[in-house]
């Protein structure tokens, strides 16, 4: 079976759906099964995105993009003058 790759927004949506199922009394295994992911995927995603809202996710993406840009800047050698 092919491996699914979820976008960060999709992961947040799935986590929210699972949290709602857990709040209504479902067990973790059945809530994950209804969302179509494994328990391990749920716990990894919750560890990475736990407590992150959509606005924080956008901030995080912007910071990651900025860090990548800064890493590509060559250090030393040429002067700016």
N, C-alpha and C. Protein backbone atom coordinates (compact mmCIF):
# COMPACT_ATOMS: atom_id res chain seq x y z
N UNK A 1 0.84 -1.17 0.00
CA UNK A 1 0.00 0.00 0.00
C UNK A 1 0.88 1.24 0.00
N UNK A 2 0.49 2.22 -0.78
CA UNK A 2 1.26 3.46 -0.87
C UNK A 2 1.14 4.26 0.42
N UNK A 3 2.20 4.93 0.75
CA UNK A 3 2.23 5.74 1.96
C UNK A 3 1.60 7.09 1.68
N UNK A 4 0.73 7.54 2.57
CA UNK A 4 0.08 8.84 2.40
C UNK A 4 0.95 9.92 3.04
N UNK A 5 1.00 11.06 2.40
CA UNK A 5 1.70 12.22 2.94
C UNK A 5 0.66 13.30 3.15
N UNK A 6 0.48 13.71 4.38
CA UNK A 6 -0.49 14.73 4.70
C UNK A 6 0.21 16.08 4.82
N UNK A 7 -0.47 17.13 4.38
CA UNK A 7 0.06 18.47 4.59
C UNK A 7 -0.11 18.82 6.07
N UNK A 8 0.56 19.86 6.50
CA UNK A 8 0.45 20.26 7.91
C UNK A 8 -0.98 20.63 8.27
N UNK A 9 -1.69 21.29 7.35
CA UNK A 9 -3.08 21.66 7.61
C UNK A 9 -3.95 20.42 7.75
N UNK A 10 -3.68 19.40 6.91
CA UNK A 10 -4.43 18.15 7.00
C UNK A 10 -4.18 17.45 8.33
N UNK A 11 -2.93 17.49 8.79
CA UNK A 11 -2.59 16.85 10.06
C UNK A 11 -3.33 17.56 11.20
N UNK A 12 -3.37 18.89 11.18
CA UNK A 12 -4.10 19.62 12.21
C UNK A 12 -5.58 19.26 12.19
N UNK A 13 -6.14 19.15 10.99
CA UNK A 13 -7.56 18.79 10.85
C UNK A 13 -7.83 17.39 11.42
N UNK A 14 -6.94 16.44 11.10
CA UNK A 14 -7.09 15.09 11.63
C UNK A 14 -6.95 15.05 13.15
N UNK A 15 -5.98 15.78 13.68
CA UNK A 15 -5.80 15.83 15.13
C UNK A 15 -7.03 16.39 15.82
N UNK A 16 -7.62 17.42 15.22
CA UNK A 16 -8.82 18.02 15.79
C UNK A 16 -9.98 17.02 15.77
N UNK A 17 -10.11 16.31 14.67
CA UNK A 17 -11.18 15.32 14.54
C UNK A 17 -11.01 14.21 15.58
N UNK A 18 -9.77 13.76 15.76
CA UNK A 18 -9.51 12.70 16.74
C UNK A 18 -9.77 13.21 18.16
N UNK A 19 -9.37 14.45 18.45
CA UNK A 19 -9.61 15.01 19.78
C UNK A 19 -11.10 15.10 20.08
N UNK A 20 -11.90 15.45 19.07
CA UNK A 20 -13.35 15.49 19.26
C UNK A 20 -13.90 14.09 19.55
N UNK A 21 -13.40 13.09 18.83
CA UNK A 21 -13.83 11.72 19.08
C UNK A 21 -13.42 11.25 20.47
N UNK A 22 -12.23 11.63 20.91
CA UNK A 22 -11.77 11.26 22.24
C UNK A 22 -12.62 11.93 23.32
N UNK A 23 -13.01 13.17 23.07
CA UNK A 23 -13.84 13.89 24.04
C UNK A 23 -15.23 13.27 24.16
N UNK A 24 -15.70 12.63 23.07
CA UNK A 24 -17.02 12.01 23.12
C UNK A 24 -16.96 10.61 23.71
N UNK A 25 -15.77 10.15 24.10
CA UNK A 25 -15.66 8.89 24.82
C UNK A 25 -15.05 7.74 24.04
N UNK A 26 -14.62 7.96 22.81
CA UNK A 26 -13.97 6.88 22.05
C UNK A 26 -12.58 6.63 22.57
N UNK A 27 -12.08 5.42 22.33
CA UNK A 27 -10.70 5.11 22.67
C UNK A 27 -9.79 5.62 21.56
N UNK A 28 -8.50 5.76 21.87
CA UNK A 28 -7.55 6.30 20.92
C UNK A 28 -7.48 5.43 19.66
N UNK A 29 -7.44 4.12 19.83
CA UNK A 29 -7.32 3.22 18.67
C UNK A 29 -8.51 3.36 17.73
N UNK A 30 -9.71 3.42 18.26
CA UNK A 30 -10.89 3.51 17.39
C UNK A 30 -11.01 4.91 16.78
N UNK A 31 -10.61 5.95 17.51
CA UNK A 31 -10.64 7.31 16.96
C UNK A 31 -9.64 7.45 15.81
N UNK A 32 -8.46 6.86 15.97
CA UNK A 32 -7.45 6.90 14.91
C UNK A 32 -7.92 6.09 13.71
N UNK A 33 -8.53 4.95 13.96
CA UNK A 33 -9.01 4.11 12.87
C UNK A 33 -10.08 4.83 12.06
N UNK A 34 -10.97 5.56 12.74
CA UNK A 34 -12.02 6.30 12.03
C UNK A 34 -11.44 7.46 11.21
N UNK A 35 -10.29 8.00 11.64
CA UNK A 35 -9.63 9.08 10.90
C UNK A 35 -8.74 8.53 9.79
N UNK A 36 -8.44 7.22 9.83
CA UNK A 36 -7.64 6.60 8.79
C UNK A 36 -6.15 6.66 9.00
N UNK A 37 -5.72 6.81 10.26
CA UNK A 37 -4.29 6.83 10.56
C UNK A 37 -4.01 5.84 11.68
N UNK A 38 -2.75 5.49 11.88
CA UNK A 38 -2.38 4.56 12.94
C UNK A 38 -2.19 5.30 14.26
N UNK A 39 -2.12 4.54 15.33
CA UNK A 39 -1.89 5.13 16.65
C UNK A 39 -0.54 5.85 16.68
N UNK A 40 0.48 5.20 16.10
CA UNK A 40 1.82 5.77 16.11
C UNK A 40 1.85 7.10 15.36
N UNK A 41 1.14 7.18 14.24
CA UNK A 41 1.08 8.43 13.48
C UNK A 41 0.41 9.51 14.30
N UNK A 42 -0.65 9.14 15.00
CA UNK A 42 -1.36 10.10 15.85
C UNK A 42 -0.43 10.65 16.93
N UNK A 43 0.29 9.77 17.63
CA UNK A 43 1.15 10.22 18.71
C UNK A 43 2.31 11.07 18.19
N UNK A 44 2.87 10.70 17.04
CA UNK A 44 3.95 11.51 16.45
C UNK A 44 3.44 12.89 16.05
N UNK A 45 2.28 12.92 15.44
CA UNK A 45 1.70 14.19 15.00
C UNK A 45 1.33 15.06 16.19
N UNK A 46 0.80 14.44 17.22
CA UNK A 46 0.42 15.20 18.42
C UNK A 46 1.65 15.77 19.10
N UNK A 47 2.74 15.00 19.06
CA UNK A 47 3.99 15.50 19.66
C UNK A 47 4.51 16.70 18.88
N UNK A 48 4.41 16.62 17.54
CA UNK A 48 4.93 17.70 16.70
C UNK A 48 4.01 18.92 16.69
N UNK A 49 2.70 18.71 16.60
CA UNK A 49 1.76 19.82 16.42
C UNK A 49 0.85 20.05 17.62
N UNK A 50 1.09 19.40 18.75
CA UNK A 50 0.21 19.54 19.90
C UNK A 50 0.11 20.97 20.37
N UNK A 51 -1.10 21.48 20.47
CA UNK A 51 -1.32 22.84 20.93
C UNK A 51 -1.06 23.91 19.91
N UNK A 52 -0.82 23.52 18.66
CA UNK A 52 -0.54 24.49 17.61
C UNK A 52 -1.82 24.78 16.85
N UNK A 53 -2.16 26.04 16.74
CA UNK A 53 -3.31 26.44 15.94
C UNK A 53 -2.88 26.80 14.54
N UNK A 54 -3.84 27.15 13.72
CA UNK A 54 -3.54 27.46 12.32
C UNK A 54 -2.62 28.69 12.21
N UNK A 55 -2.84 29.71 13.04
CA UNK A 55 -2.00 30.90 12.97
C UNK A 55 -0.56 30.59 13.38
N UNK A 56 -0.39 29.76 14.41
CA UNK A 56 0.96 29.37 14.84
C UNK A 56 1.65 28.53 13.78
N UNK A 57 0.86 27.71 13.06
CA UNK A 57 1.41 26.89 12.00
C UNK A 57 1.95 27.76 10.87
N UNK A 58 1.22 28.81 10.52
CA UNK A 58 1.68 29.73 9.48
C UNK A 58 2.95 30.44 9.91
N UNK A 59 3.01 30.82 11.19
CA UNK A 59 4.22 31.45 11.74
C UNK A 59 5.41 30.50 11.67
N UNK A 60 5.17 29.24 12.04
CA UNK A 60 6.22 28.24 12.03
C UNK A 60 6.75 28.02 10.62
N UNK A 61 5.86 27.95 9.64
CA UNK A 61 6.28 27.78 8.25
C UNK A 61 7.11 28.98 7.78
N UNK A 62 6.70 30.18 8.16
CA UNK A 62 7.45 31.38 7.76
C UNK A 62 8.85 31.37 8.38
N UNK A 63 8.96 30.96 9.63
CA UNK A 63 10.27 30.89 10.28
C UNK A 63 11.15 29.84 9.63
N UNK A 64 10.58 28.69 9.28
CA UNK A 64 11.36 27.65 8.63
C UNK A 64 11.87 28.12 7.27
N UNK A 65 11.03 28.84 6.54
CA UNK A 65 11.42 29.37 5.24
C UNK A 65 12.55 30.39 5.39
N UNK A 66 12.43 31.25 6.39
CA UNK A 66 13.46 32.26 6.66
C UNK A 66 14.78 31.59 7.05
N UNK A 67 14.71 30.54 7.86
CA UNK A 67 15.92 29.83 8.25
C UNK A 67 16.61 29.20 7.05
N UNK A 68 15.84 28.61 6.14
CA UNK A 68 16.42 28.03 4.93
C UNK A 68 17.11 29.11 4.09
N UNK A 69 16.47 30.28 3.99
CA UNK A 69 17.06 31.37 3.22
C UNK A 69 18.37 31.83 3.86
N UNK A 70 18.38 31.94 5.18
CA UNK A 70 19.59 32.39 5.88
C UNK A 70 20.71 31.37 5.79
N UNK A 71 20.38 30.09 5.75
CA UNK A 71 21.41 29.06 5.64
C UNK A 71 22.10 29.10 4.29
N UNK A 72 21.44 29.61 3.27
CA UNK A 72 22.00 29.66 1.93
C UNK A 72 22.91 30.86 1.71
N UNK A 73 22.88 31.82 2.62
CA UNK A 73 23.72 33.02 2.49
C UNK A 73 25.17 32.63 2.77
N UNK A 74 26.08 32.93 1.86
CA UNK A 74 27.49 32.59 2.08
C UNK A 74 28.09 33.47 3.18
N UNK A 75 28.92 32.88 3.99
CA UNK A 75 29.57 33.59 5.09
C UNK A 75 30.97 34.01 4.67
N UNK A 76 31.38 35.20 5.10
CA UNK A 76 32.74 35.68 4.88
C UNK A 76 33.06 35.84 3.38
N UNK A 77 34.34 36.05 3.11
CA UNK A 77 34.80 36.14 1.72
C UNK A 77 34.56 37.51 1.11
N UNK A 78 33.39 37.80 0.65
CA UNK A 78 33.08 39.07 -0.02
C UNK A 78 32.66 40.12 1.01
N UNK A 79 33.15 41.35 0.81
CA UNK A 79 32.71 42.42 1.70
C UNK A 79 31.52 43.13 1.08
N UNK A 80 30.75 43.78 1.93
CA UNK A 80 29.53 44.46 1.47
C UNK A 80 29.80 45.89 1.02
N UNK A 81 31.00 46.41 1.21
CA UNK A 81 31.31 47.79 0.89
C UNK A 81 31.51 48.06 -0.56
